[in-house]
Protein backbone atom coordinates (compact mmCIF):
# COMPACT_ATOMS: atom_id res chain seq x y z
CA MET A 1 -0.01 0.01 -0.02
CA GLU A 2 1.52 3.24 -1.20
CA GLU A 3 -0.09 5.31 1.70
CA SER A 4 1.14 3.09 4.53
CA TRP A 5 3.35 5.98 5.54
CA ILE A 6 0.22 7.86 6.50
CA VAL A 7 -0.69 5.21 9.12
CA SER A 8 2.85 5.41 10.56
CA GLU A 9 2.64 9.18 10.86
CA LEU A 10 -0.82 8.85 12.49
CA GLU A 11 0.56 6.41 15.07
CA LYS A 12 3.34 8.94 15.89
CA ILE A 13 0.89 11.80 16.31
CA ALA A 14 -1.34 9.57 18.38
CA LEU A 15 1.51 9.00 20.81
CA PHE A 16 1.82 12.74 21.62
CA ASN A 17 -1.85 13.86 21.16
CA PRO A 18 -4.11 10.73 21.54
CA GLU A 19 -7.23 12.98 22.25
CA ARG A 20 -6.94 14.70 18.90
CA VAL A 21 -6.57 11.46 16.97
CA LEU A 22 -9.56 9.90 18.87
CA LYS A 23 -11.68 12.90 18.16
CA VAL A 24 -11.01 12.63 14.44
CA LEU A 25 -11.64 8.83 14.42
CA LYS A 26 -14.96 9.19 16.39
CA LYS A 27 -16.22 11.36 13.48
CA ASP A 28 -16.37 8.28 11.26
CA LYS A 29 -18.67 6.03 13.33
CA GLU A 30 -18.25 3.07 11.11
CA LEU A 31 -14.40 3.21 11.24
CA PHE A 32 -14.53 3.82 14.98
CA TRP A 33 -16.79 0.72 15.28
CA GLU A 34 -14.38 -1.32 13.35
CA ILE A 35 -11.42 -0.17 15.49
CA VAL A 36 -13.15 -0.86 18.79
CA ILE A 37 -14.47 -4.28 17.64
CA SER A 38 -11.00 -5.24 16.28
CA ALA A 39 -9.42 -4.26 19.59
CA TYR A 40 -12.10 -6.37 21.41
CA LEU A 41 -11.48 -9.37 19.18
CA ASP A 42 -7.71 -9.01 19.65
CA THR A 43 -8.34 -9.00 23.46
CA ASN A 44 -6.85 -5.57 23.84
CA ILE A 45 -10.01 -4.28 25.46
CA SER A 46 -12.88 -5.92 27.38
CA LEU A 47 -16.54 -6.12 26.38
CA SER A 48 -17.31 -3.32 28.91
CA LYS A 49 -14.65 -1.03 27.56
CA ALA A 50 -15.92 -1.73 24.02
CA ALA A 51 -19.40 -0.78 25.08
CA GLU A 52 -18.18 2.31 26.82
CA LEU A 53 -16.25 3.57 23.83
CA LEU A 54 -19.15 2.81 21.52
CA GLY A 55 -21.64 4.63 23.91
CA VAL A 56 -23.95 1.52 24.36
CA THR A 57 -24.63 -0.84 27.27
CA ARG A 58 -22.95 -4.31 27.54
CA ASP A 59 -26.19 -5.96 26.75
CA GLU A 60 -26.82 -3.76 23.73
CA LEU A 61 -23.37 -4.55 22.44
CA ILE A 62 -23.80 -8.30 23.01
CA GLU A 63 -27.00 -8.14 21.01
CA GLU A 64 -25.25 -6.28 18.20
CA PHE A 65 -22.48 -8.74 18.21
CA ARG A 66 -24.96 -11.56 17.90
CA LYS A 67 -26.64 -9.82 14.97
CA ARG A 68 -23.26 -9.32 13.27
CA GLY A 69 -21.98 -12.87 14.06
CA ILE A 70 -19.22 -11.45 16.27
CA PRO A 71 -18.17 -13.97 18.96
CA VAL A 72 -18.71 -12.78 22.56
CA ARG A 73 -16.05 -13.78 25.01
CA LYS A 74 -16.94 -14.88 28.50
CA LEU A 75 -17.23 -12.36 31.11
CA SER A 76 -13.65 -11.34 32.20
CA ARG A 77 -12.65 -10.37 35.73
CA GLU A 78 -12.37 -6.75 34.50
CA ASP A 79 -15.88 -6.81 33.14
CA ALA A 80 -17.16 -8.23 36.35
CA MET A 81 -15.47 -5.52 38.38
CA VAL A 82 -16.83 -2.77 36.11
CA ASP A 83 -20.33 -4.16 36.52
CA LEU A 84 -19.84 -4.29 40.35
CA GLU A 85 -18.73 -0.68 40.38
CA VAL A 86 -21.86 0.31 38.34
CA LEU A 87 -24.18 -1.61 40.66
CA ASN A 88 -22.54 0.03 43.77
CA CYS A 89 -23.22 3.40 42.21
CA LEU A 90 -26.94 2.72 42.01
C-alpha cells in the first residue's frame, strides 16, 4: 500500500496527542466501530470497555455482536469488576 506512511505518521501523532486522533476517528462512526471491535477481538479491550467507547450498554453490544456474528468472550474479571462498580453506584 503506497499510503502506509500515513498510518505510521498517524501512530506517531497519536503517541503525543491521543485525544486529537480519537476525536477525528470518532467522527467516522463505522471506522471507529471497526477499530473498537478489532481491539475487542484481539483481546486488547474488554466487552465493557468496548461498550463504553461505543456509547452503548454491554447488553446492547452483546445483542449487536450476535446480529453481526461476532463472537462474545466470556465475562472477564475486568468486566465483572466494572459491573460491580456500576451496581454500587446505584
